């Protein structure tokens, strides 16, 4: 199996058949996140480790990934070793994880509601990655907040059609958006997904950044 190039990095990722593969949302969030060299970073639902590799571009103090399945963690460990990146891993639900607290939490969560039975995939890896059976929106926000340092940041990608729900849960947990960026399939189509940076500091300035066009990778790059 040949590794796939992770766009905008020097890294390559092995992607096991039948497991969740990185996609445009992964790339979108990978280019949206901003990480400092002093940050301790957690990827909640790390899959094969693509977001950890995006984070590794910033040379943070530490990288940690959690996921539900030992075999998924095994793939992530393989990818870190292949790219000579140091990271720690744990097999755990986000709801049960007791590490941290962390300066930065990144997450590309399952965001199809469980009521959409027709969208469910029988493959347990893909079902866990795409559907809220294992992790609902309220649980997601509560536990990301629980694992974050007081002055930490959360970077998350979500369905644009569910943005109102995500922001309502953030407010319940004392979190506010400080940056937002939408991704559109093309310039003529509505936003499909949205990246948010959430913090606890309500005094922080709020910025809506220029949109990404998923049919034009050059728009992923941050300006300035």
C-alpha atoms as a PDB file:
ATOM      1  CA  UNK A   1       0.000   0.000   0.000  1.00  0.00           C
ATOM      2  CA  UNK A   2       1.361   3.402  -1.014  1.00  0.00           C
ATOM      3  CA  UNK A   3       0.791   6.348   1.320  1.00  0.00           C
ATOM      4  CA  UNK A   4      -1.321   9.280   0.140  1.00  0.00           C
ATOM      5  CA  UNK A   5       0.024  12.840   0.113  1.00  0.00           C
ATOM      6  CA  UNK A   6      -1.471  15.125   2.770  1.00  0.00           C
ATOM      7  CA  UNK A   7      -2.130  18.353   0.889  1.00  0.00           C
ATOM      8  CA  UNK A   8      -0.160  21.382   2.046  1.00  0.00           C
ATOM      9  CA  UNK A   9       2.334  19.379   4.128  1.00  0.00           C
ATOM     10  CA  UNK A  10       5.483  17.322   3.706  1.00  0.00           C
ATOM     11  CA  UNK A  11       3.648  14.271   5.067  1.00  0.00           C
ATOM     12  CA  UNK A  12       2.116  11.111   3.619  1.00  0.00           C
ATOM     13  CA  UNK A  13      -0.602   8.961   5.171  1.00  0.00           C
ATOM     14  CA  UNK A  14      -1.377   5.253   4.892  1.00  0.00           C
ATOM     15  CA  UNK A  15      -5.142   4.730   4.716  1.00  0.00           C
ATOM     16  CA  UNK A  16      -6.435   1.246   5.488  1.00  0.00           C
ATOM     17  CA  UNK A  17      -9.234  -0.194   3.382  1.00  0.00           C
ATOM     18  CA  UNK A  18     -12.578   0.012   5.164  1.00  0.00           C
ATOM     19  CA  UNK A  19     -11.445   2.653   7.649  1.00  0.00           C
ATOM     20  CA  UNK A  20     -12.152   6.385   7.612  1.00  0.00           C
ATOM     21  CA  UNK A  21      -9.993   8.230   5.070  1.00  0.00           C
ATOM     22  CA  UNK A  22      -9.083  11.885   5.314  1.00  0.00           C
ATOM     23  CA  UNK A  23     -11.130  14.137   3.032  1.00  0.00           C
ATOM     24  CA  UNK A  24     -11.760  17.785   2.166  1.00  0.00           C
ATOM     25  CA  UNK A  25     -13.008  18.515   5.705  1.00  0.00           C
ATOM     26  CA  UNK A  26      -9.716  17.186   7.085  1.00  0.00           C
ATOM     27  CA  UNK A  27      -7.736  19.439   4.760  1.00  0.00           C
ATOM     28  CA  UNK A  28     -10.048  22.384   5.494  1.00  0.00           C
ATOM     29  CA  UNK A  29      -9.540  22.053   9.261  1.00  0.00           C
ATOM     30  CA  UNK A  30      -5.840  21.290   8.871  1.00  0.00           C
ATOM     31  CA  UNK A  31      -5.291  24.641   7.163  1.00  0.00           C
ATOM     32  CA  UNK A  32      -7.617  26.499   9.558  1.00  0.00           C
ATOM     33  CA  UNK A  33      -5.953  25.527  12.835  1.00  0.00           C
ATOM     34  CA  UNK A  34      -3.274  27.727  14.393  1.00  0.00           C
ATOM     35  CA  UNK A  35      -0.946  26.136  16.929  1.00  0.00           C
ATOM     36  CA  UNK A  36       1.930  27.480  19.002  1.00  0.00           C
ATOM     37  CA  UNK A  37       5.207  25.680  19.784  1.00  0.00           C
ATOM     38  CA  UNK A  38       4.235  25.615  23.487  1.00  0.00           C
ATOM     39  CA  UNK A  39       0.861  23.943  22.869  1.00  0.00           C
ATOM     40  CA  UNK A  40      -0.142  20.477  23.988  1.00  0.00           C
ATOM     41  CA  UNK A  41      -2.579  19.208  21.355  1.00  0.00           C
ATOM     42  CA  UNK A  42      -5.326  16.566  21.472  1.00  0.00           C
ATOM     43  CA  UNK A  43      -7.041  15.193  18.369  1.00  0.00           C
ATOM     44  CA  UNK A  44     -10.391  13.807  19.547  1.00  0.00           C
ATOM     45  CA  UNK A  45     -11.163  11.021  17.071  1.00  0.00           C
ATOM     46  CA  UNK A  46      -7.808  10.932  15.337  1.00  0.00           C
ATOM     47  CA  UNK A  47      -8.530   8.195  12.753  1.00  0.00           C
ATOM     48  CA  UNK A  48      -5.305   7.684  10.768  1.00  0.00           C
ATOM     49  CA  UNK A  49      -3.629  10.745  12.270  1.00  0.00           C
ATOM     50  CA  UNK A  50      -3.988  13.247   9.420  1.00  0.00           C
ATOM     51  CA  UNK A  51      -4.972  16.151  11.673  1.00  0.00           C
ATOM     52  CA  UNK A  52      -2.101  15.359  14.036  1.00  0.00           C
ATOM     53  CA  UNK A  53       0.239  15.635  11.056  1.00  0.00           C
ATOM     54  CA  UNK A  54      -1.265  18.995  10.127  1.00  0.00           C
ATOM     55  CA  UNK A  55      -0.667  20.064  13.729  1.00  0.00           C
ATOM     56  CA  UNK A  56       2.902  18.734  13.586  1.00  0.00           C
ATOM     57  CA  UNK A  57       3.768  21.439  11.024  1.00  0.00           C
ATOM     58  CA  UNK A  58       3.776  23.896  13.948  1.00  0.00           C
ATOM     59  CA  UNK A  59       6.170  21.779  16.093  1.00  0.00           C
ATOM     60  CA  UNK A  60       3.945  21.821  19.206  1.00  0.00           C
ATOM     61  CA  UNK A  61       5.095  20.678  22.637  1.00  0.00           C
ATOM     62  CA  UNK A  62       3.132  17.422  22.356  1.00  0.00           C
ATOM     63  CA  UNK A  63       0.603  15.589  20.195  1.00  0.00           C
ATOM     64  CA  UNK A  64      -2.004  13.146  21.501  1.00  0.00           C
ATOM     65  CA  UNK A  65      -4.693  11.239  19.645  1.00  0.00           C
ATOM     66  CA  UNK A  66      -7.638   9.189  20.850  1.00  0.00           C
ATOM     67  CA  UNK A  67      -9.989   6.920  18.915  1.00  0.00           C
ATOM     68  CA  UNK A  68     -12.471   4.136  19.589  1.00  0.00           C
ATOM     69  CA  UNK A  69     -10.694   1.194  17.974  1.00  0.00           C
ATOM     70  CA  UNK A  70      -7.226  -0.312  18.639  1.00  0.00           C
ATOM     71  CA  UNK A  71      -6.726  -1.080  14.957  1.00  0.00           C
ATOM     72  CA  UNK A  72      -7.430   2.556  14.019  1.00  0.00           C
ATOM     73  CA  UNK A  73      -4.878   3.704  16.600  1.00  0.00           C
ATOM     74  CA  UNK A  74      -2.468   1.189  15.092  1.00  0.00           C
ATOM     75  CA  UNK A  75      -2.772   2.913  11.710  1.00  0.00           C
ATOM     76  CA  UNK A  76      -2.222   6.327  13.300  1.00  0.00           C
ATOM     77  CA  UNK A  77       0.905   5.056  15.062  1.00  0.00           C
ATOM     78  CA  UNK A  78       2.163   3.672  11.739  1.00  0.00           C
ATOM     79  CA  UNK A  79       1.655   7.051  10.082  1.00  0.00           C
ATOM     80  CA  UNK A  80       3.468   8.927  12.840  1.00  0.00           C
ATOM     81  CA  UNK A  81       6.416   6.544  12.601  1.00  0.00           C
ATOM     82  CA  UNK A  82       6.507   6.798   8.796  1.00  0.00           C
ATOM     83  CA  UNK A  83       6.644  10.599   8.994  1.00  0.00           C
ATOM     84  CA  UNK A  84       9.050  10.676  11.969  1.00  0.00           C
ATOM     85  CA  UNK A  85       6.543  12.527  14.170  1.00  0.00           C
ATOM     86  CA  UNK A  86       6.248  11.878  17.914  1.00  0.00           C
ATOM     87  CA  UNK A  87       2.727  11.403  19.291  1.00  0.00           C
ATOM     88  CA  UNK A  88       0.940   9.554  22.088  1.00  0.00           C
ATOM     89  CA  UNK A  89      -2.282   7.593  21.620  1.00  0.00           C
ATOM     90  CA  UNK A  90      -5.084   6.071  23.654  1.00  0.00           C
ATOM     91  CA  UNK A  91      -8.048   3.879  22.785  1.00  0.00           C
ATOM     92  CA  UNK A  92     -10.930   5.726  24.404  1.00  0.00           C
ATOM     93  CA  UNK A  93     -14.278   7.390  23.915  1.00  0.00           C
ATOM     94  CA  UNK A  94     -14.036  11.139  24.266  1.00  0.00           C
ATOM     95  CA  UNK A  95     -16.599  10.893  27.088  1.00  0.00           C
ATOM     96  CA  UNK A  96     -14.281   8.599  29.083  1.00  0.00           C
ATOM     97  CA  UNK A  97     -10.909  10.163  28.353  1.00  0.00           C
ATOM     98  CA  UNK A  98      -9.140  11.465  31.473  1.00  0.00           C
ATOM     99  CA  UNK A  99      -5.947  12.997  30.051  1.00  0.00           C
ATOM    100  CA  UNK A 100      -5.044  16.639  29.757  1.00  0.00           C
ATOM    101  CA  UNK A 101      -5.955  19.377  30.108  1.00  0.00           C
ATOM    102  CA  UNK A 102      -4.794  20.539  26.683  1.00  0.00           C
ATOM    103  CA  UNK A 103      -4.013  23.915  25.139  1.00  0.00           C
ATOM    104  CA  UNK A 104      -5.561  22.894  21.817  1.00  0.00           C
ATOM    105  CA  UNK A 105      -8.227  20.381  20.881  1.00  0.00           C
ATOM    106  CA  UNK A 106      -8.877  19.582  17.223  1.00  0.00           C
ATOM    107  CA  UNK A 107     -11.813  17.549  16.029  1.00  0.00           C
ATOM    108  CA  UNK A 108     -13.487  16.417  12.822  1.00  0.00           C
ATOM    109  CA  UNK A 109     -16.422  14.777  14.617  1.00  0.00           C
ATOM    110  CA  UNK A 110     -19.291  12.587  13.486  1.00  0.00           C
ATOM    111  CA  UNK A 111     -21.991  15.043  12.484  1.00  0.00           C
ATOM    112  CA  UNK A 112     -24.831  13.124  10.855  1.00  0.00           C
ATOM    113  CA  UNK A 113     -27.711  12.861  13.325  1.00  0.00           C
ATOM    114  CA  UNK A 114     -28.641   9.332  14.397  1.00  0.00           C
ATOM    115  CA  UNK A 115     -32.172   9.782  13.107  1.00  0.00           C
ATOM    116  CA  UNK A 116     -30.927   9.672   9.508  1.00  0.00           C
ATOM    117  CA  UNK A 117     -31.012   5.889   9.343  1.00  0.00           C
ATOM    118  CA  UNK A 118     -30.629   5.817   5.555  1.00  0.00           C
ATOM    119  CA  UNK A 119     -27.178   7.397   5.859  1.00  0.00           C
ATOM    120  CA  UNK A 120     -25.788   4.830   8.277  1.00  0.00           C
ATOM    121  CA  UNK A 121     -23.008   2.581   7.086  1.00  0.00           C
ATOM    122  CA  UNK A 122     -22.775  -0.996   8.349  1.00  0.00           C
ATOM    123  CA  UNK A 123     -18.983  -0.685   8.546  1.00  0.00           C
ATOM    124  CA  UNK A 124     -18.384   0.072  12.222  1.00  0.00           C
ATOM    125  CA  UNK A 125     -15.360   2.300  11.569  1.00  0.00           C
ATOM    126  CA  UNK A 126     -17.195   4.523   9.100  1.00  0.00           C
ATOM    127  CA  UNK A 127     -20.374   4.554  11.162  1.00  0.00           C
ATOM    128  CA  UNK A 128     -18.463   5.755  14.231  1.00  0.00           C
ATOM    129  CA  UNK A 129     -16.656   8.429  12.202  1.00  0.00           C
ATOM    130  CA  UNK A 130     -19.731   9.796  10.416  1.00  0.00           C
ATOM    131  CA  UNK A 131     -22.777   9.286  12.644  1.00  0.00           C
ATOM    132  CA  UNK A 132     -23.577  10.434  16.177  1.00  0.00           C
ATOM    133  CA  UNK A 133     -24.284   6.984  17.569  1.00  0.00           C
ATOM    134  CA  UNK A 134     -21.156   7.146  19.749  1.00  0.00           C
ATOM    135  CA  UNK A 135     -20.899  10.921  20.271  1.00  0.00           C
ATOM    136  CA  UNK A 136     -23.714  13.481  20.159  1.00  0.00           C
ATOM    137  CA  UNK A 137     -23.249  17.208  19.619  1.00  0.00           C
ATOM    138  CA  UNK A 138     -23.939  18.072  23.305  1.00  0.00           C
ATOM    139  CA  UNK A 139     -21.476  15.389  24.466  1.00  0.00           C
ATOM    140  CA  UNK A 140     -18.884  16.559  21.958  1.00  0.00           C
ATOM    141  CA  UNK A 141     -18.865  20.181  23.090  1.00  0.00           C
ATOM    142  CA  UNK A 142     -19.106  19.382  26.807  1.00  0.00           C
ATOM    143  CA  UNK A 143     -16.134  17.013  26.780  1.00  0.00           C
ATOM    144  CA  UNK A 144     -13.941  19.137  24.506  1.00  0.00           C
ATOM    145  CA  UNK A 145     -14.512  21.964  26.972  1.00  0.00           C
ATOM    146  CA  UNK A 146     -13.806  19.648  29.926  1.00  0.00           C
ATOM    147  CA  UNK A 147     -10.421  18.675  28.489  1.00  0.00           C
ATOM    148  CA  UNK A 148      -9.343  22.221  27.565  1.00  0.00           C
ATOM    149  CA  UNK A 149      -7.155  24.516  29.652  1.00  0.00           C
ATOM    150  CA  UNK A 150      -8.724  27.758  30.809  1.00  0.00           C
ATOM    151  CA  UNK A 151      -7.036  29.743  28.041  1.00  0.00           C
ATOM    152  CA  UNK A 152      -7.183  26.928  25.469  1.00  0.00           C
ATOM    153  CA  UNK A 153      -8.663  26.762  21.984  1.00  0.00           C
ATOM    154  CA  UNK A 154     -10.886  24.312  20.152  1.00  0.00           C
ATOM    155  CA  UNK A 155     -10.626  23.917  16.371  1.00  0.00           C
ATOM    156  CA  UNK A 156     -13.542  22.025  14.865  1.00  0.00           C
ATOM    157  CA  UNK A 157     -15.133  21.380  11.468  1.00  0.00           C
ATOM    158  CA  UNK A 158     -18.886  20.822  11.268  1.00  0.00           C
ATOM    159  CA  UNK A 159     -21.806  20.762   8.860  1.00  0.00           C
ATOM    160  CA  UNK A 160     -22.795  24.322   7.958  1.00  0.00           C
ATOM    161  CA  UNK A 161     -26.455  23.272   8.134  1.00  0.00           C
ATOM    162  CA  UNK A 162     -25.985  22.421  11.834  1.00  0.00           C
ATOM    163  CA  UNK A 163     -23.976  25.509  12.790  1.00  0.00           C
ATOM    164  CA  UNK A 164     -26.820  26.947  14.873  1.00  0.00           C
ATOM    165  CA  UNK A 165     -26.934  23.750  16.963  1.00  0.00           C
ATOM    166  CA  UNK A 166     -23.185  23.715  17.499  1.00  0.00           C
ATOM    167  CA  UNK A 167     -23.124  27.377  18.566  1.00  0.00           C
ATOM    168  CA  UNK A 168     -26.011  26.804  20.979  1.00  0.00           C
ATOM    169  CA  UNK A 169     -24.065  23.993  22.667  1.00  0.00           C
ATOM    170  CA  UNK A 170     -20.942  26.149  22.764  1.00  0.00           C
ATOM    171  CA  UNK A 171     -22.851  28.919  24.529  1.00  0.00           C
ATOM    172  CA  UNK A 172     -24.201  26.451  27.102  1.00  0.00           C
ATOM    173  CA  UNK A 173     -20.603  25.541  27.923  1.00  0.00           C
ATOM    174  CA  UNK A 174     -19.311  29.115  28.129  1.00  0.00           C
ATOM    175  CA  UNK A 175     -17.545  28.961  24.764  1.00  0.00           C
ATOM    176  CA  UNK A 176     -17.575  31.648  22.080  1.00  0.00           C
ATOM    177  CA  UNK A 177     -16.432  31.602  18.442  1.00  0.00           C
ATOM    178  CA  UNK A 178     -13.459  33.838  17.709  1.00  0.00           C
ATOM    179  CA  UNK A 179     -12.835  32.707  14.123  1.00  0.00           C
ATOM    180  CA  UNK A 180     -15.129  31.146  11.522  1.00  0.00           C
ATOM    181  CA  UNK A 181     -14.581  30.036   7.949  1.00  0.00           C
ATOM    182  CA  UNK A 182     -17.063  28.451   5.532  1.00  0.00           C
ATOM    183  CA  UNK A 183     -16.339  25.921   2.789  1.00  0.00           C
ATOM    184  CA  UNK A 184     -18.429  25.801  -0.395  1.00  0.00           C
ATOM    185  CA  UNK A 185     -18.385  23.045  -3.047  1.00  0.00           C
ATOM    186  CA  UNK A 186     -17.961  25.877  -5.565  1.00  0.00           C
ATOM    187  CA  UNK A 187     -18.535  29.624  -5.714  1.00  0.00           C
ATOM    188  CA  UNK A 188     -22.143  29.208  -6.888  1.00  0.00           C
ATOM    189  CA  UNK A 189     -23.195  26.735  -4.172  1.00  0.00           C
ATOM    190  CA  UNK A 190     -24.143  27.185  -0.497  1.00  0.00           C
ATOM    191  CA  UNK A 191     -21.622  26.439   2.244  1.00  0.00           C
ATOM    192  CA  UNK A 192     -21.306  22.731   3.038  1.00  0.00           C
ATOM    193  CA  UNK A 193     -19.057  22.862   6.089  1.00  0.00           C
ATOM    194  CA  UNK A 194     -17.680  25.378   8.556  1.00  0.00           C
ATOM    195  CA  UNK A 195     -14.536  25.623  10.678  1.00  0.00           C
ATOM    196  CA  UNK A 196     -14.679  27.301  14.068  1.00  0.00           C
ATOM    197  CA  UNK A 197     -12.154  28.350  16.671  1.00  0.00           C
ATOM    198  CA  UNK A 198     -13.834  28.358  20.099  1.00  0.00           C
ATOM    199  CA  UNK A 199     -12.503  29.876  23.307  1.00  0.00           C
ATOM    200  CA  UNK A 200     -13.784  30.829  26.737  1.00  0.00           C
ATOM    201  CA  UNK A 201     -12.782  34.501  26.428  1.00  0.00           C
ATOM    202  CA  UNK A 202     -15.898  36.434  25.405  1.00  0.00           C
ATOM    203  CA  UNK A 203     -13.806  39.607  24.926  1.00  0.00           C
ATOM    204  CA  UNK A 204     -11.934  38.142  21.977  1.00  0.00           C
ATOM    205  CA  UNK A 205     -12.593  39.735  18.585  1.00  0.00           C
ATOM    206  CA  UNK A 206     -14.722  37.644  16.215  1.00  0.00           C
ATOM    207  CA  UNK A 207     -13.505  37.191  12.629  1.00  0.00           C
ATOM    208  CA  UNK A 208     -15.262  35.572   9.673  1.00  0.00           C
ATOM    209  CA  UNK A 209     -12.504  34.647   7.236  1.00  0.00           C
ATOM    210  CA  UNK A 210     -12.637  34.406   3.467  1.00  0.00           C
ATOM    211  CA  UNK A 211     -14.421  31.241   2.299  1.00  0.00           C
ATOM    212  CA  UNK A 212     -12.850  28.084   0.950  1.00  0.00           C
ATOM    213  CA  UNK A 213     -13.943  26.638  -2.398  1.00  0.00           C
ATOM    214  CA  UNK A 214     -13.626  22.880  -2.209  1.00  0.00           C
ATOM    215  CA  UNK A 215     -13.067  22.677  -5.982  1.00  0.00           C
ATOM    216  CA  UNK A 216     -10.053  24.999  -5.693  1.00  0.00           C
ATOM    217  CA  UNK A 217      -7.423  23.881  -3.207  1.00  0.00           C
ATOM    218  CA  UNK A 218      -5.545  27.159  -3.499  1.00  0.00           C
ATOM    219  CA  UNK A 219      -8.328  28.780  -1.456  1.00  0.00           C
ATOM    220  CA  UNK A 220      -7.458  26.575   1.559  1.00  0.00           C
ATOM    221  CA  UNK A 221      -4.287  28.530   2.234  1.00  0.00           C
ATOM    222  CA  UNK A 222      -4.498  31.120   5.000  1.00  0.00           C
ATOM    223  CA  UNK A 223      -3.952  34.700   3.903  1.00  0.00           C
ATOM    224  CA  UNK A 224      -1.590  36.652   6.161  1.00  0.00           C
END
